[in-house]
Amino acid sequence: MNHNRNTPPLNAEVNPKVELLYRQYASDVYGLALSSMRNPTDAEDAVQEVFLRVLKNWSHFRGEAHVKTWIFQIARNYLIDVSKRKTRTRRLALEMSRQPAFDQLESIIEVKDMLNDLSQNQREVINLRIVHDLSVADTAHVMQCSEGKVRTDTHRALKTLRGIAR
């Protein structure tokens, strides 16, 4: 699936706002799903399901949070549901348009291995805060926890990563 700004979502004609949101955030949702599911096909399916839920629940969006935060919360809830329903053997899948140099590939594998040593919450915090550049407040909203917990989990995750890297 091509997650660029030119790919329309399903039923885009029903709600042009959702089409715009899809174009803006599908790649981010795909990245979040891929980091959780570690399977590109499952991640693509998750993107479609998340945006179907966005379309279905658009009338319930109250604007209390930024729309990106709302979409990430829908994505997170979906990924939690999938995780509860299925237990999978997760594979490390690297998809790149070109083969990186061996030392770059080795570094990527080392970083992924380091992230696997974190708890699920710590991985999620690092993913939302660093990879997707969400604020502490938005991350707390997506994870349905306090900002203090986000700060604590971020601090502990980075401390753990520093310890592993030594």
Protein backbone atom coordinates (compact mmCIF):
# COMPACT_ATOMS: atom_id res chain seq x y z
CA MET A 1 0.00 0.00 0.00
CA ASN A 2 1.30 3.42 -0.88
CA HIS A 3 0.89 5.81 2.04
CA ASN A 4 1.51 9.09 0.34
CA ARG A 5 -0.57 12.21 0.20
CA ASN A 6 -2.07 11.22 -3.17
CA THR A 7 -3.71 7.98 -2.05
CA PRO A 8 -7.41 8.48 -1.26
CA PRO A 9 -8.99 6.52 1.58
CA LEU A 10 -12.02 4.31 1.26
CA ASN A 11 -15.31 6.25 1.02
CA ALA A 12 -13.48 9.57 0.74
CA GLU A 13 -16.41 11.04 -1.15
CA VAL A 14 -18.56 10.64 1.98
CA ASN A 15 -16.47 13.06 3.97
CA PRO A 16 -13.85 15.27 2.30
CA LYS A 17 -12.43 16.20 5.72
CA VAL A 18 -11.59 12.55 6.38
CA GLU A 19 -9.89 12.37 2.98
CA LEU A 20 -7.72 15.33 3.94
CA LEU A 21 -6.94 13.73 7.31
CA TYR A 22 -6.02 10.49 5.56
CA ARG A 23 -3.62 12.33 3.27
CA GLN A 24 -2.07 14.11 6.24
CA TYR A 25 -1.79 11.26 8.73
CA ALA A 26 -1.91 7.87 6.97
CA SER A 27 1.88 7.62 6.85
CA ASP A 28 2.13 8.41 10.56
CA VAL A 29 -0.55 5.85 11.43
CA TYR A 30 1.22 3.31 9.21
CA GLY A 31 4.48 3.95 11.07
CA LEU A 32 2.77 3.51 14.42
CA ALA A 33 1.05 0.32 13.27
CA LEU A 34 4.22 -1.10 11.74
CA SER A 35 6.19 -0.46 14.93
CA SER A 36 3.54 -2.29 16.93
CA MET A 37 2.64 -5.12 14.56
CA ARG A 38 6.00 -5.53 12.79
CA ASN A 39 4.28 -6.81 9.69
CA PRO A 40 3.78 -4.46 6.73
CA THR A 41 0.62 -6.18 5.50
CA ASP A 42 -0.98 -6.09 8.95
CA ALA A 43 0.07 -2.45 9.32
CA GLU A 44 -1.60 -1.56 6.01
CA ASP A 45 -4.78 -3.28 7.16
CA ALA A 46 -4.60 -1.36 10.44
CA VAL A 47 -4.37 1.97 8.58
CA GLN A 48 -7.51 1.15 6.61
CA GLU A 49 -9.36 0.07 9.75
CA VAL A 50 -8.27 3.15 11.70
CA PHE A 51 -9.48 5.51 8.99
CA LEU A 52 -12.75 3.61 8.64
CA ARG A 53 -13.20 4.21 12.36
CA VAL A 54 -12.27 7.88 11.91
CA LEU A 55 -14.91 8.13 9.18
CA LYS A 56 -17.49 6.29 11.29
CA ASN A 57 -16.79 8.36 14.42
CA TRP A 58 -16.16 11.75 12.80
CA SER A 59 -19.42 13.10 14.21
CA HIS A 60 -18.15 12.24 17.72
CA PHE A 61 -14.94 14.29 17.40
CA ARG A 62 -15.40 17.14 19.87
CA GLY A 63 -12.18 19.00 19.20
CA GLU A 64 -10.96 18.64 22.80
CA ALA A 65 -7.60 17.48 21.48
CA HIS A 66 -5.74 18.04 18.22
CA VAL A 67 -7.17 15.86 15.46
CA LYS A 68 -3.80 14.07 15.09
CA THR A 69 -3.99 13.11 18.76
CA TRP A 70 -7.56 11.84 18.30
CA ILE A 71 -6.53 9.74 15.28
CA PHE A 72 -3.53 8.34 17.19
CA GLN A 73 -5.82 7.42 20.07
CA ILE A 74 -8.10 5.54 17.67
CA ALA A 75 -5.03 3.84 16.19
CA ARG A 76 -3.66 2.93 19.62
CA ASN A 77 -7.00 1.51 20.74
CA TYR A 78 -7.25 -0.53 17.54
CA LEU A 79 -3.71 -1.87 17.97
CA ILE A 80 -4.44 -2.83 21.57
CA ASP A 81 -7.61 -4.65 20.43
CA VAL A 82 -5.67 -6.54 17.75
CA SER A 83 -2.95 -7.45 20.22
CA LYS A 84 -5.50 -8.84 22.68
CA ARG A 85 -7.28 -10.89 20.01
CA LYS A 86 -4.19 -12.38 18.43
CA THR A 87 -0.91 -13.63 19.70
CA ARG A 88 1.75 -13.54 17.06
CA THR A 89 5.30 -14.47 16.60
CA ARG A 90 6.76 -11.13 15.64
CA ARG A 91 9.36 -10.93 12.97
CA LEU A 92 11.82 -8.20 12.43
CA ALA A 93 11.11 -6.92 8.91
CA LEU A 94 13.27 -4.30 7.29
CA GLU A 95 11.87 -2.87 4.10
CA MET A 96 14.04 -0.44 2.31
CA SER A 97 14.04 0.77 -1.24
CA ARG A 98 17.80 0.25 -1.38
CA GLN A 99 20.21 -1.87 0.58
CA PRO A 100 22.07 0.21 3.18
CA ALA A 101 25.74 -0.32 3.92
CA PHE A 102 26.42 -3.24 6.26
CA ASP A 103 27.34 -1.03 9.21
CA GLN A 104 24.13 0.98 8.78
CA LEU A 105 22.08 -2.22 8.69
CA GLU A 106 23.90 -3.45 11.78
CA SER A 107 23.11 -0.15 13.57
CA ILE A 108 19.44 -0.39 12.64
CA ILE A 109 19.26 -3.93 13.98
CA GLU A 110 21.03 -2.87 17.19
CA VAL A 111 18.56 0.00 17.73
CA LYS A 112 15.57 -2.28 17.13
CA ASP A 113 17.04 -4.84 19.54
CA MET A 114 17.56 -2.10 22.13
CA LEU A 115 13.95 -0.97 21.73
CA ASN A 116 12.79 -4.56 22.20
CA ASP A 117 14.43 -4.49 25.65
CA LEU A 118 12.05 -1.72 26.73
CA SER A 119 8.64 -2.36 28.23
CA GLN A 120 5.62 -1.96 25.92
CA ASN A 121 4.76 1.40 27.56
CA GLN A 122 8.32 2.68 27.20
CA ARG A 123 8.46 1.62 23.53
CA GLU A 124 5.13 3.33 22.91
CA VAL A 125 6.23 6.54 24.65
CA ILE A 126 9.48 6.65 22.65
CA ASN A 127 7.57 5.97 19.44
CA LEU A 128 4.99 8.70 20.05
CA ARG A 129 7.34 11.29 21.54
CA ILE A 130 10.43 10.85 19.36
CA VAL A 131 9.38 9.13 16.15
CA HIS A 132 6.02 10.88 15.74
CA ASP A 133 7.02 14.09 17.56
CA LEU A 134 3.96 14.32 19.79
CA SER A 135 4.06 16.64 22.78
CA VAL A 136 3.94 15.30 26.33
CA ALA A 137 0.30 16.40 26.58
CA ASP A 138 -0.69 14.76 23.28
CA THR A 139 1.19 11.58 24.17
CA ALA A 140 -0.60 11.46 27.53
CA HIS A 141 -3.93 11.91 25.77
CA VAL A 142 -3.21 9.11 23.27
CA MET A 143 -1.98 6.75 26.00
CA GLN A 144 -4.77 7.77 28.39
CA CYS A 145 -2.39 8.52 31.25
CA SER A 146 -1.01 11.54 33.06
CA GLU A 147 1.66 13.83 31.64
CA GLY A 148 3.81 12.89 34.63
CA LYS A 149 3.65 9.22 33.64
CA VAL A 150 4.69 10.14 30.09
CA ARG A 151 7.66 12.12 31.43
CA THR A 152 8.62 9.30 33.80
CA ASP A 153 8.32 6.60 31.12
CA THR A 154 10.32 8.74 28.68
CA HIS A 155 13.05 9.33 31.26
CA ARG A 156 13.21 5.64 32.23
CA ALA A 157 13.22 4.50 28.60
CA LEU A 158 16.06 6.84 27.68
CA LYS A 159 17.99 5.80 30.81
CA THR A 160 17.52 2.13 29.87
CA LEU A 161 18.62 2.80 26.29
CA ARG A 162 21.72 4.65 27.49
CA GLY A 163 22.58 1.71 29.75
CA ILE A 164 22.12 -0.78 26.92
CA ALA A 165 24.19 1.33 24.52
CA ARG A 166 27.24 1.30 26.83
